[in-house]
Amino acid sequence: MFHFTRPDRPTIQRFLESQSCLDLTYSGIGGTRETPPAKYVVDRTTGQLGAGESVFQSAQAALREWKHFQLGWVEPCWPDTAIVPNQTVAILARACGLWTLNACRIIYLVEEPRRFGFAYGTLPGHVETGEERFTVEWNSVDDSVVYDILAFSRPNHFLTRIAYPLTRVMQRRFARDSVSAMKRAVVN
């Protein structure tokens, strides 16, 4: 999970293989569909990306290409990973001089005419435990396209417990930066 140097490709591959057969680390699987379970911190961040069908199409493509995770300090280990249920993914983040390698599994997709996204849940090799959903929605009333992140989590590692205030700051930073990345993606 925590590394002093950036994990190399073979290390990431071994990590993914070791995590792919493990169970999710939390109860309330699918809780981002409706009501997150009790005893977790719930975070929700939204950002308007623009308006119209072309923005919605661009936003869908951005989610499929993991643009919402290409933040400079956070990135998907394999940005070409398909967004399909049961896919195990690895996310790499750098903060305070440490690298964290986190494992998640995609648990469901949202594929509707005016709404697209997915949710993933944490595996044992993640510093947090919980679920996070990323969706884009094209509003039929005002034509706006909104990016929405809904997550519930709590610490899953002793370092995230003892540094919990910093963990919360980093979670808020991730949400803000992810919205900014999506805004850039739909413009380009």
N, C-alpha and C. Protein backbone atom coordinates (compact mmCIF):
# COMPACT_ATOMS: atom_id res chain seq x y z
N MET A 1 0.81 -1.20 0.00
CA MET A 1 0.00 0.00 0.00
C MET A 1 0.86 1.26 0.00
N PHE A 2 1.68 1.47 1.02
CA PHE A 2 2.53 2.66 1.10
C PHE A 2 3.92 2.32 0.60
N HIS A 3 4.51 3.25 -0.19
CA HIS A 3 5.84 3.05 -0.76
C HIS A 3 6.61 4.36 -0.68
N PHE A 4 7.92 4.25 -0.50
CA PHE A 4 8.77 5.45 -0.50
C PHE A 4 9.14 5.87 -1.91
N THR A 5 9.07 4.94 -2.87
CA THR A 5 9.33 5.25 -4.27
C THR A 5 8.13 4.79 -5.10
N ARG A 6 8.04 5.32 -6.31
CA ARG A 6 6.94 4.94 -7.20
C ARG A 6 7.04 3.44 -7.52
N PRO A 7 5.98 2.67 -7.29
CA PRO A 7 6.01 1.25 -7.62
C PRO A 7 6.20 1.05 -9.13
N ASP A 8 7.02 0.06 -9.50
CA ASP A 8 7.23 -0.21 -10.92
C ASP A 8 6.13 -1.13 -11.45
N ARG A 9 6.14 -1.31 -12.75
CA ARG A 9 5.09 -2.09 -13.41
C ARG A 9 4.96 -3.52 -12.86
N PRO A 10 6.06 -4.27 -12.70
CA PRO A 10 5.92 -5.63 -12.14
C PRO A 10 5.33 -5.63 -10.72
N THR A 11 5.69 -4.66 -9.90
CA THR A 11 5.13 -4.56 -8.55
C THR A 11 3.63 -4.32 -8.61
N ILE A 12 3.22 -3.41 -9.48
CA ILE A 12 1.79 -3.11 -9.63
C ILE A 12 1.05 -4.34 -10.14
N GLN A 13 1.62 -5.04 -11.11
CA GLN A 13 0.97 -6.23 -11.67
C GLN A 13 0.80 -7.31 -10.60
N ARG A 14 1.84 -7.55 -9.80
CA ARG A 14 1.73 -8.55 -8.71
C ARG A 14 0.66 -8.12 -7.70
N PHE A 15 0.63 -6.84 -7.39
CA PHE A 15 -0.36 -6.30 -6.46
C PHE A 15 -1.77 -6.54 -6.98
N LEU A 16 -2.01 -6.20 -8.25
CA LEU A 16 -3.33 -6.41 -8.85
C LEU A 16 -3.73 -7.89 -8.84
N GLU A 17 -2.80 -8.75 -9.20
CA GLU A 17 -3.09 -10.18 -9.20
C GLU A 17 -3.44 -10.67 -7.80
N SER A 18 -2.73 -10.18 -6.79
CA SER A 18 -3.00 -10.63 -5.42
C SER A 18 -4.35 -10.12 -4.91
N GLN A 19 -4.79 -8.98 -5.40
CA GLN A 19 -6.05 -8.38 -4.95
C GLN A 19 -7.27 -8.90 -5.71
N SER A 20 -7.07 -9.37 -6.92
CA SER A 20 -8.20 -9.70 -7.80
C SER A 20 -9.09 -10.82 -7.27
N CYS A 21 -8.57 -11.69 -6.43
CA CYS A 21 -9.38 -12.80 -5.92
C CYS A 21 -9.93 -12.53 -4.51
N LEU A 22 -9.68 -11.34 -3.98
CA LEU A 22 -10.11 -11.02 -2.61
C LEU A 22 -11.49 -10.37 -2.60
N ASP A 23 -12.13 -10.44 -1.45
CA ASP A 23 -13.45 -9.83 -1.27
C ASP A 23 -13.33 -8.34 -0.98
N LEU A 24 -14.40 -7.62 -1.26
CA LEU A 24 -14.48 -6.21 -0.90
C LEU A 24 -14.38 -6.08 0.62
N THR A 25 -13.96 -4.91 1.09
CA THR A 25 -13.64 -4.73 2.51
C THR A 25 -14.74 -4.09 3.34
N TYR A 26 -15.93 -3.97 2.82
CA TYR A 26 -16.96 -3.21 3.53
C TYR A 26 -18.33 -3.85 3.36
N SER A 27 -19.23 -3.49 4.26
CA SER A 27 -20.62 -3.90 4.13
C SER A 27 -21.36 -2.79 3.38
N GLY A 28 -22.54 -3.06 2.95
CA GLY A 28 -23.30 -2.04 2.23
C GLY A 28 -22.88 -1.90 0.79
N ILE A 29 -22.47 -3.02 0.18
CA ILE A 29 -22.04 -2.99 -1.22
C ILE A 29 -23.18 -2.49 -2.08
N GLY A 30 -22.89 -1.52 -2.94
CA GLY A 30 -23.91 -0.89 -3.77
C GLY A 30 -24.57 0.29 -3.09
N GLY A 31 -24.07 0.68 -1.92
CA GLY A 31 -24.66 1.79 -1.17
C GLY A 31 -24.64 3.13 -1.86
N THR A 32 -23.80 3.29 -2.88
CA THR A 32 -23.79 4.55 -3.63
C THR A 32 -24.93 4.63 -4.63
N ARG A 33 -25.68 3.56 -4.81
CA ARG A 33 -26.87 3.61 -5.68
C ARG A 33 -27.98 4.42 -5.02
N GLU A 34 -28.13 4.26 -3.71
CA GLU A 34 -29.22 4.93 -3.00
C GLU A 34 -28.73 5.59 -1.72
N THR A 35 -28.67 4.82 -0.64
CA THR A 35 -28.30 5.38 0.66
C THR A 35 -27.04 4.71 1.19
N PRO A 36 -25.97 5.47 1.38
CA PRO A 36 -24.76 4.88 1.96
C PRO A 36 -25.03 4.34 3.36
N PRO A 37 -24.30 3.30 3.76
CA PRO A 37 -24.51 2.70 5.07
C PRO A 37 -24.07 3.63 6.21
N ALA A 38 -24.58 3.35 7.39
CA ALA A 38 -24.19 4.12 8.58
C ALA A 38 -22.73 3.83 8.95
N LYS A 39 -22.17 4.67 9.78
CA LYS A 39 -20.82 4.52 10.33
C LYS A 39 -19.72 4.77 9.31
N TYR A 40 -20.04 5.43 8.22
CA TYR A 40 -19.04 5.85 7.24
C TYR A 40 -19.15 7.36 7.07
N VAL A 41 -18.06 7.98 6.66
CA VAL A 41 -18.10 9.39 6.28
C VAL A 41 -18.57 9.44 4.83
N VAL A 42 -19.56 10.26 4.56
CA VAL A 42 -20.11 10.39 3.21
C VAL A 42 -19.64 11.71 2.62
N ASP A 43 -19.13 11.64 1.40
CA ASP A 43 -18.69 12.83 0.67
C ASP A 43 -19.42 12.89 -0.66
N ARG A 44 -19.86 14.08 -1.02
CA ARG A 44 -20.49 14.28 -2.32
C ARG A 44 -19.97 15.58 -2.91
N THR A 45 -19.53 15.50 -4.15
CA THR A 45 -19.02 16.66 -4.86
C THR A 45 -19.62 16.66 -6.25
N THR A 46 -20.12 17.80 -6.69
CA THR A 46 -20.66 17.92 -8.04
C THR A 46 -20.04 19.13 -8.72
N GLY A 47 -20.03 19.08 -10.04
CA GLY A 47 -19.55 20.21 -10.82
C GLY A 47 -20.22 20.22 -12.17
N GLN A 48 -20.68 21.40 -12.58
CA GLN A 48 -21.30 21.52 -13.90
C GLN A 48 -20.21 21.56 -14.95
N LEU A 49 -20.35 20.70 -15.97
CA LEU A 49 -19.34 20.58 -17.02
C LEU A 49 -19.68 21.40 -18.26
N GLY A 50 -20.91 21.80 -18.39
CA GLY A 50 -21.37 22.51 -19.57
C GLY A 50 -22.80 22.13 -19.86
N ALA A 51 -23.16 22.17 -21.14
CA ALA A 51 -24.53 21.86 -21.52
C ALA A 51 -24.55 21.18 -22.88
N GLY A 52 -25.55 20.34 -23.06
CA GLY A 52 -25.80 19.74 -24.36
C GLY A 52 -25.25 18.34 -24.54
N GLU A 53 -25.71 17.75 -25.63
CA GLU A 53 -25.36 16.37 -25.92
C GLU A 53 -23.87 16.17 -26.16
N SER A 54 -23.22 17.11 -26.85
CA SER A 54 -21.79 16.93 -27.13
C SER A 54 -20.96 16.93 -25.84
N VAL A 55 -21.34 17.77 -24.88
CA VAL A 55 -20.64 17.78 -23.59
C VAL A 55 -20.88 16.45 -22.87
N PHE A 56 -22.12 15.97 -22.91
CA PHE A 56 -22.44 14.69 -22.27
C PHE A 56 -21.63 13.55 -22.90
N GLN A 57 -21.55 13.52 -24.22
CA GLN A 57 -20.77 12.49 -24.91
C GLN A 57 -19.29 12.58 -24.54
N SER A 58 -18.76 13.80 -24.50
CA SER A 58 -17.35 13.99 -24.12
C SER A 58 -17.11 13.56 -22.67
N ALA A 59 -18.06 13.86 -21.80
CA ALA A 59 -17.92 13.48 -20.39
C ALA A 59 -17.94 11.96 -20.22
N GLN A 60 -18.80 11.28 -20.97
CA GLN A 60 -18.82 9.82 -20.93
C GLN A 60 -17.47 9.26 -21.37
N ALA A 61 -16.96 9.78 -22.47
CA ALA A 61 -15.66 9.32 -22.97
C ALA A 61 -14.56 9.58 -21.94
N ALA A 62 -14.62 10.73 -21.28
CA ALA A 62 -13.61 11.06 -20.27
C ALA A 62 -13.64 10.05 -19.11
N LEU A 63 -14.82 9.67 -18.66
CA LEU A 63 -14.91 8.66 -17.60
C LEU A 63 -14.35 7.32 -18.08
N ARG A 64 -14.69 6.93 -19.29
CA ARG A 64 -14.21 5.65 -19.83
C ARG A 64 -12.69 5.63 -19.95
N GLU A 65 -12.10 6.81 -20.17
CA GLU A 65 -10.64 6.92 -20.34
C GLU A 65 -9.94 7.30 -19.03
N TRP A 66 -10.66 7.28 -17.92
CA TRP A 66 -10.11 7.58 -16.60
C TRP A 66 -9.52 8.98 -16.50
N LYS A 67 -10.03 9.93 -17.28
CA LYS A 67 -9.53 11.31 -17.23
C LYS A 67 -9.76 11.93 -15.86
N HIS A 68 -10.80 11.51 -15.18
CA HIS A 68 -11.12 12.06 -13.86
C HIS A 68 -10.10 11.66 -12.79
N PHE A 69 -9.20 10.74 -13.14
CA PHE A 69 -8.13 10.32 -12.23
C PHE A 69 -6.76 10.79 -12.67
N GLN A 70 -6.65 11.43 -13.79
CA GLN A 70 -5.34 11.87 -14.28
C GLN A 70 -5.09 13.28 -13.75
N LEU A 71 -4.62 13.32 -12.49
CA LEU A 71 -4.55 14.57 -11.74
C LEU A 71 -3.13 15.05 -11.47
N GLY A 72 -2.14 14.29 -11.89
CA GLY A 72 -0.76 14.65 -11.58
C GLY A 72 -0.28 13.97 -10.30
N TRP A 73 -1.06 14.03 -9.28
CA TRP A 73 -0.70 13.38 -8.00
C TRP A 73 -1.50 12.10 -7.76
N VAL A 74 -2.52 11.87 -8.57
CA VAL A 74 -3.32 10.63 -8.56
C VAL A 74 -3.45 10.18 -10.01
N GLU A 75 -3.36 8.88 -10.23
CA GLU A 75 -3.53 8.36 -11.59
C GLU A 75 -3.94 6.89 -11.55
N PRO A 76 -4.65 6.46 -12.58
CA PRO A 76 -4.92 5.02 -12.69
C PRO A 76 -3.63 4.34 -13.13
N CYS A 77 -3.34 3.18 -12.59
CA CYS A 77 -2.11 2.48 -12.99
C CYS A 77 -2.15 2.07 -14.46
N TRP A 78 -3.31 1.65 -14.91
CA TRP A 78 -3.50 1.29 -16.33
C TRP A 78 -4.68 2.12 -16.84
N PRO A 79 -4.43 3.27 -17.46
CA PRO A 79 -5.54 4.13 -17.91
C PRO A 79 -6.39 3.53 -19.03
N ASP A 80 -5.95 2.41 -19.58
CA ASP A 80 -6.76 1.75 -20.62
C ASP A 80 -7.62 0.62 -20.03
N THR A 81 -7.68 0.52 -18.70
CA THR A 81 -8.51 -0.50 -18.06
C THR A 81 -9.97 -0.27 -18.42
N ALA A 82 -10.61 -1.31 -18.90
CA ALA A 82 -12.03 -1.21 -19.27
C ALA A 82 -12.89 -1.04 -18.03
N ILE A 83 -13.90 -0.21 -18.16
CA ILE A 83 -14.84 0.00 -17.06
C ILE A 83 -15.96 -1.03 -17.22
N VAL A 84 -15.76 -2.17 -16.58
CA VAL A 84 -16.73 -3.26 -16.61
C VAL A 84 -16.85 -3.84 -15.20
N PRO A 85 -18.02 -4.34 -14.83
CA PRO A 85 -18.18 -4.93 -13.51
C PRO A 85 -17.17 -6.05 -13.25
N ASN A 86 -16.72 -6.14 -12.02
CA ASN A 86 -15.76 -7.13 -11.52
C ASN A 86 -14.32 -6.89 -11.97
N GLN A 87 -14.07 -5.80 -12.66
CA GLN A 87 -12.71 -5.45 -13.05
C GLN A 87 -11.96 -4.90 -11.83
N THR A 88 -10.78 -5.44 -11.56
CA THR A 88 -9.94 -4.93 -10.48
C THR A 88 -9.04 -3.84 -11.05
N VAL A 89 -8.98 -2.72 -10.34
CA VAL A 89 -8.19 -1.58 -10.80
C VAL A 89 -7.23 -1.16 -9.69
N ALA A 90 -6.13 -0.55 -10.10
CA ALA A 90 -5.16 -0.01 -9.15
C ALA A 90 -5.01 1.48 -9.39
N ILE A 91 -5.05 2.22 -8.30
CA ILE A 91 -4.90 3.67 -8.34
C ILE A 91 -3.65 4.03 -7.57
N LEU A 92 -2.84 4.89 -8.16
CA LEU A 92 -1.59 5.33 -7.55
C LEU A 92 -1.73 6.79 -7.15
N ALA A 93 -1.33 7.11 -5.93
CA ALA A 93 -1.40 8.49 -5.45
C ALA A 93 -0.10 8.84 -4.74
N ARG A 94 0.25 10.12 -4.80
CA ARG A 94 1.44 10.58 -4.10
C ARG A 94 1.07 11.77 -3.23
N ALA A 95 1.43 11.67 -1.96
CA ALA A 95 1.19 12.76 -1.02
C ALA A 95 2.20 12.68 0.12
N CYS A 96 2.67 13.81 0.54
CA CYS A 96 3.59 13.90 1.69
C CYS A 96 4.82 13.01 1.52
N GLY A 97 5.30 12.88 0.28
CA GLY A 97 6.50 12.10 0.02
C GLY A 97 6.30 10.60 -0.05
N LEU A 98 5.07 10.14 0.10
CA LEU A 98 4.78 8.71 0.02
C LEU A 98 3.90 8.41 -1.19
N TRP A 99 4.11 7.25 -1.76
CA TRP A 99 3.24 6.73 -2.81
C TRP A 99 2.28 5.73 -2.17
N THR A 100 1.02 5.78 -2.57
CA THR A 100 0.08 4.75 -2.14
C THR A 100 -0.46 4.05 -3.37
N LEU A 101 -0.50 2.74 -3.28
CA LEU A 101 -1.05 1.89 -4.33
C LEU A 101 -2.32 1.30 -3.75
N ASN A 102 -3.45 1.60 -4.38
CA ASN A 102 -4.76 1.23 -3.84
C ASN A 102 -5.52 0.35 -4.83
N ALA A 103 -6.16 -0.69 -4.30
CA ALA A 103 -6.91 -1.63 -5.13
C ALA A 103 -8.41 -1.47 -4.92
N CYS A 104 -9.13 -1.48 -6.04
CA CYS A 104 -10.59 -1.40 -6.03
C CYS A 104 -11.15 -2.36 -7.06
N ARG A 105 -12.44 -2.64 -6.93
CA ARG A 105 -13.13 -3.46 -7.92
C ARG A 105 -14.36 -2.70 -8.39
N ILE A 106 -14.54 -2.63 -9.70
CA ILE A 106 -15.74 -2.00 -10.25
C ILE A 106 -16.92 -2.91 -9.92
N ILE A 107 -17.94 -2.31 -9.27
CA ILE A 107 -19.06 -3.14 -8.82
C ILE A 107 -20.32 -2.96 -9.64
N TYR A 108 -20.49 -1.79 -10.25
CA TYR A 108 -21.64 -1.63 -11.14
C TYR A 108 -21.41 -0.48 -12.10
N LEU A 109 -22.16 -0.53 -13.19
CA LEU A 109 -22.17 0.54 -14.19
C LEU A 109 -23.51 1.23 -14.16
N VAL A 110 -23.51 2.48 -14.57
CA VAL A 110 -24.74 3.25 -14.78
C VAL A 110 -24.74 3.57 -16.27
N GLU A 111 -25.67 2.99 -17.01
CA GLU A 111 -25.76 3.22 -18.45
C GLU A 111 -27.20 3.52 -18.81
N GLU A 112 -27.53 4.79 -18.79
CA GLU A 112 -28.88 5.25 -19.11
C GLU A 112 -28.76 6.29 -20.22
N PRO A 113 -29.86 6.60 -20.91
CA PRO A 113 -29.78 7.57 -22.01
C PRO A 113 -29.17 8.92 -21.61
N ARG A 114 -29.41 9.39 -20.39
CA ARG A 114 -28.91 10.69 -19.96
C ARG A 114 -28.02 10.62 -18.72
N ARG A 115 -27.55 9.43 -18.41
CA ARG A 115 -26.71 9.26 -17.22
C ARG A 115 -25.74 8.11 -17.47
N PHE A 116 -24.47 8.35 -17.12
CA PHE A 116 -23.44 7.33 -17.32
C PHE A 116 -22.45 7.39 -16.16
N GLY A 117 -21.96 6.22 -15.77
CA GLY A 117 -20.92 6.20 -14.75
C GLY A 117 -20.68 4.81 -14.22
N PHE A 118 -19.97 4.76 -13.12
CA PHE A 118 -19.65 3.50 -12.48
C PHE A 118 -19.32 3.74 -11.02
N ALA A 119 -19.31 2.65 -10.27
CA ALA A 119 -18.87 2.69 -8.87
C ALA A 119 -17.86 1.59 -8.66
N TYR A 120 -16.93 1.87 -7.77
CA TYR A 120 -16.01 0.82 -7.36
C TYR A 120 -15.94 0.75 -5.85
N GLY A 121 -15.56 -0.44 -5.38
CA GLY A 121 -15.43 -0.67 -3.95
C GLY A 121 -14.00 -1.06 -3.63
N THR A 122 -13.62 -0.81 -2.38
CA THR A 122 -12.25 -1.06 -1.96
C THR A 122 -11.99 -2.53 -1.66
N LEU A 123 -10.76 -2.92 -1.96
CA LEU A 123 -10.24 -4.25 -1.66
C LEU A 123 -9.26 -4.12 -0.49
N PRO A 124 -8.78 -5.23 0.07
CA PRO A 124 -7.88 -5.13 1.22
C PRO A 124 -6.64 -4.27 0.99
N GLY A 125 -6.16 -4.18 -0.24
CA GLY A 125 -5.00 -3.37 -0.53
C GLY A 125 -5.35 -1.92 -0.81
N HIS A 126 -6.17 -1.33 0.00
CA HIS A 126 -6.55 0.08 -0.13
C HIS A 126 -6.45 0.71 1.25
N VAL A 127 -6.00 1.96 1.30
CA VAL A 127 -5.82 2.63 2.60
C VAL A 127 -7.14 3.02 3.24
N GLU A 128 -8.21 3.03 2.48
CA GLU A 128 -9.56 3.31 3.00
C GLU A 128 -10.43 2.08 2.77
N THR A 129 -11.59 2.09 3.36
CA THR A 129 -12.59 1.07 3.08
C THR A 129 -13.88 1.78 2.74
N GLY A 130 -14.52 1.38 1.65
CA GLY A 130 -15.76 2.02 1.24
C GLY A 130 -15.99 1.93 -0.26
N GLU A 131 -16.80 2.83 -0.75
CA GLU A 131 -17.26 2.78 -2.14
C GLU A 131 -17.31 4.20 -2.70
N GLU A 132 -17.09 4.30 -4.00
CA GLU A 132 -17.13 5.61 -4.65
C GLU A 132 -17.80 5.47 -6.02
N ARG A 133 -18.70 6.41 -6.30
CA ARG A 133 -19.42 6.41 -7.58
C ARG A 133 -19.08 7.68 -8.34
N PHE A 134 -18.87 7.53 -9.65
CA PHE A 134 -18.57 8.64 -10.54
C PHE A 134 -19.61 8.63 -11.65
N THR A 135 -20.41 9.70 -11.78
CA THR A 135 -21.43 9.74 -12.83
C THR A 135 -21.44 11.10 -13.52
N VAL A 136 -21.88 11.08 -14.76
CA VAL A 136 -22.21 12.30 -15.48
C VAL A 136 -23.67 12.20 -15.88
N GLU A 137 -24.37 13.32 -15.76
CA GLU A 137 -25.80 13.33 -16.05
C GLU A 137 -26.15 14.54 -16.90
N TRP A 138 -26.94 14.30 -17.95
CA TRP A 138 -27.41 15.34 -18.85
C TRP A 138 -28.85 15.64 -18.47
N ASN A 139 -29.10 16.80 -17.90
CA ASN A 139 -30.41 17.19 -17.39
C ASN A 139 -31.35 17.53 -18.54
N SER A 140 -32.51 16.89 -18.57
CA SER A 140 -33.47 17.12 -19.66
C SER A 140 -34.22 18.44 -19.51
N VAL A 141 -34.20 19.05 -18.34
CA VAL A 141 -34.92 20.31 -18.12
C VAL A 141 -34.09 21.51 -18.56
N ASP A 142 -32.85 21.60 -18.07
CA ASP A 142 -32.04 22.79 -18.38
C ASP A 142 -30.85 22.51 -19.30
N ASP A 143 -30.71 21.27 -19.79
CA ASP A 143 -29.68 20.87 -20.74
C ASP A 143 -28.28 20.80 -20.12
N SER A 144 -28.16 21.03 -18.81
CA SER A 144 -26.84 21.02 -18.17
C SER A 144 -26.29 19.60 -18.05
N VAL A 145 -24.97 19.51 -18.02
CA VAL A 145 -24.28 18.24 -17.81
C VAL A 145 -23.49 18.39 -16.51
N VAL A 146 -23.76 17.49 -15.57
CA VAL A 146 -23.15 17.57 -14.24
C VAL A 146 -22.36 16.30 -13.95
N TYR A 147 -21.19 16.49 -13.39
CA TYR A 147 -20.34 15.40 -12.91
C TYR A 147 -20.57 15.27 -11.41
N ASP A 148 -20.80 14.05 -10.95
CA ASP A 148 -21.14 13.82 -9.55
C ASP A 148 -20.26 12.71 -8.98
N ILE A 149 -19.66 12.98 -7.83
CA ILE A 149 -18.89 11.97 -7.10
C ILE A 149 -19.59 11.75 -5.76
N LEU A 150 -19.94 10.52 -5.48
CA LEU A 150 -20.53 10.15 -4.19
C LEU A 150 -19.68 9.04 -3.59
N ALA A 151 -19.24 9.23 -2.35
CA ALA A 151 -18.38 8.23 -1.71
C ALA A 151 -18.76 8.07 -0.25
N PHE A 152 -18.55 6.86 0.24
CA PHE A 152 -18.58 6.64 1.69
C PHE A 152 -17.31 5.86 2.04
N SER A 153 -16.68 6.27 3.13
CA SER A 153 -15.40 5.65 3.47
C SER A 153 -15.07 5.80 4.95
N ARG A 154 -14.06 5.05 5.34
CA ARG A 154 -13.42 5.19 6.65
C ARG A 154 -12.02 4.57 6.52
N PRO A 155 -11.12 4.87 7.44
CA PRO A 155 -9.74 4.36 7.32
C PRO A 155 -9.67 2.84 7.35
N ASN A 156 -8.69 2.32 6.59
CA ASN A 156 -8.46 0.88 6.53
C ASN A 156 -6.99 0.54 6.80
N HIS A 157 -6.22 1.50 7.25
CA HIS A 157 -4.80 1.30 7.51
C HIS A 157 -4.42 2.17 8.69
N PHE A 158 -3.49 1.72 9.51
CA PHE A 158 -3.16 2.49 10.71
C PHE A 158 -2.65 3.89 10.37
N LEU A 159 -1.94 4.06 9.25
CA LEU A 159 -1.46 5.40 8.89
C LEU A 159 -2.61 6.33 8.52
N THR A 160 -3.64 5.81 7.86
CA THR A 160 -4.79 6.67 7.55
C THR A 160 -5.60 6.98 8.80
N ARG A 161 -5.53 6.11 9.79
CA ARG A 161 -6.21 6.40 11.06
C ARG A 161 -5.49 7.50 11.84
N ILE A 162 -4.17 7.37 11.96
CA ILE A 162 -3.45 8.37 12.77
C ILE A 162 -3.32 9.71 12.05
N ALA A 163 -3.39 9.68 10.73
CA ALA A 163 -3.31 10.93 9.96
C ALA A 163 -4.67 11.27 9.35
N TYR A 164 -5.74 10.93 10.06
CA TYR A 164 -7.08 11.09 9.49
C TYR A 164 -7.40 12.52 9.06
N PRO A 165 -7.03 13.56 9.81
CA PRO A 165 -7.30 14.92 9.31
C PRO A 165 -6.65 15.17 7.95
N LEU A 166 -5.43 14.70 7.75
CA LEU A 166 -4.77 14.85 6.45
C LEU A 166 -5.48 14.01 5.39
N THR A 167 -5.91 12.82 5.76
CA THR A 167 -6.66 11.96 4.83
C THR A 167 -7.90 12.69 4.32
N ARG A 168 -8.62 13.35 5.22
CA ARG A 168 -9.83 14.09 4.82
C ARG A 168 -9.48 15.24 3.88
N VAL A 169 -8.39 15.94 4.15
CA VAL A 169 -7.95 17.02 3.26
C VAL A 169 -7.65 16.45 1.87
N MET A 170 -6.97 15.32 1.81
CA MET A 170 -6.62 14.71 0.52
C MET A 170 -7.87 14.22 -0.22
N GLN A 171 -8.86 13.72 0.51
CA GLN A 171 -10.10 13.29 -0.14
C GLN A 171 -10.82 14.49 -0.76
N ARG A 172 -10.87 15.59 -0.04
CA ARG A 172 -11.51 16.79 -0.60
C ARG A 172 -10.72 17.33 -1.79
N ARG A 173 -9.39 17.28 -1.69
CA ARG A 173 -8.56 17.72 -2.81
C ARG A 173 -8.81 16.84 -4.04
N PHE A 174 -8.87 15.52 -3.82
CA PHE A 174 -9.15 14.63 -4.94
C PHE A 174 -10.45 15.01 -5.64
N ALA A 175 -11.51 15.21 -4.87
CA ALA A 175 -12.81 15.53 -5.45
C ALA A 175 -12.74 16.83 -6.26
N ARG A 176 -12.14 17.85 -5.70
CA ARG A 176 -11.99 19.14 -6.40
C ARG A 176 -11.20 18.97 -7.69
N ASP A 177 -10.06 18.29 -7.58
CA ASP A 177 -9.19 18.11 -8.75
C ASP A 177 -9.86 17.23 -9.81
N SER A 178 -10.64 16.26 -9.38
CA SER A 178 -11.34 15.39 -10.32
C SER A 178 -12.37 16.18 -11.12
N VAL A 179 -13.11 17.06 -10.45
CA VAL A 179 -14.07 17.92 -11.15
C VAL A 179 -13.32 18.80 -12.16
N SER A 180 -12.21 19.37 -11.77
CA SER A 180 -11.42 20.22 -12.68
C SER A 180 -10.92 19.41 -13.88
N ALA A 181 -10.48 18.18 -13.64
CA ALA A 181 -10.00 17.33 -14.74
C ALA A 181 -11.12 17.02 -15.72
N MET A 182 -12.32 16.78 -15.21
CA MET A 182 -13.46 16.52 -16.10
C MET A 182 -13.81 17.76 -16.90
N LYS A 183 -13.76 18.93 -16.28
CA LYS A 183 -14.04 20.17 -17.02
C LYS A 183 -13.03 20.35 -18.15
N ARG A 184 -11.75 20.09 -17.87
CA ARG A 184 -10.73 20.18 -18.92
C ARG A 184 -10.98 19.16 -20.03
N ALA A 185 -11.37 17.96 -19.64
CA ALA A 185 -11.57 16.88 -20.61
C ALA A 185 -12.70 17.19 -21.59
N VAL A 186 -13.78 17.81 -21.13
CA VAL A 186 -14.90 18.07 -22.04
C VAL A 186 -14.63 19.26 -22.94
N VAL A 187 -13.69 20.12 -22.56
CA VAL A 187 -13.34 21.27 -23.39
C VAL A 187 -12.39 20.85 -24.50
N ASN A 188 -11.49 19.92 -24.19
CA ASN A 188 -10.45 19.52 -25.17
C ASN A 188 -11.00 18.57 -26.19
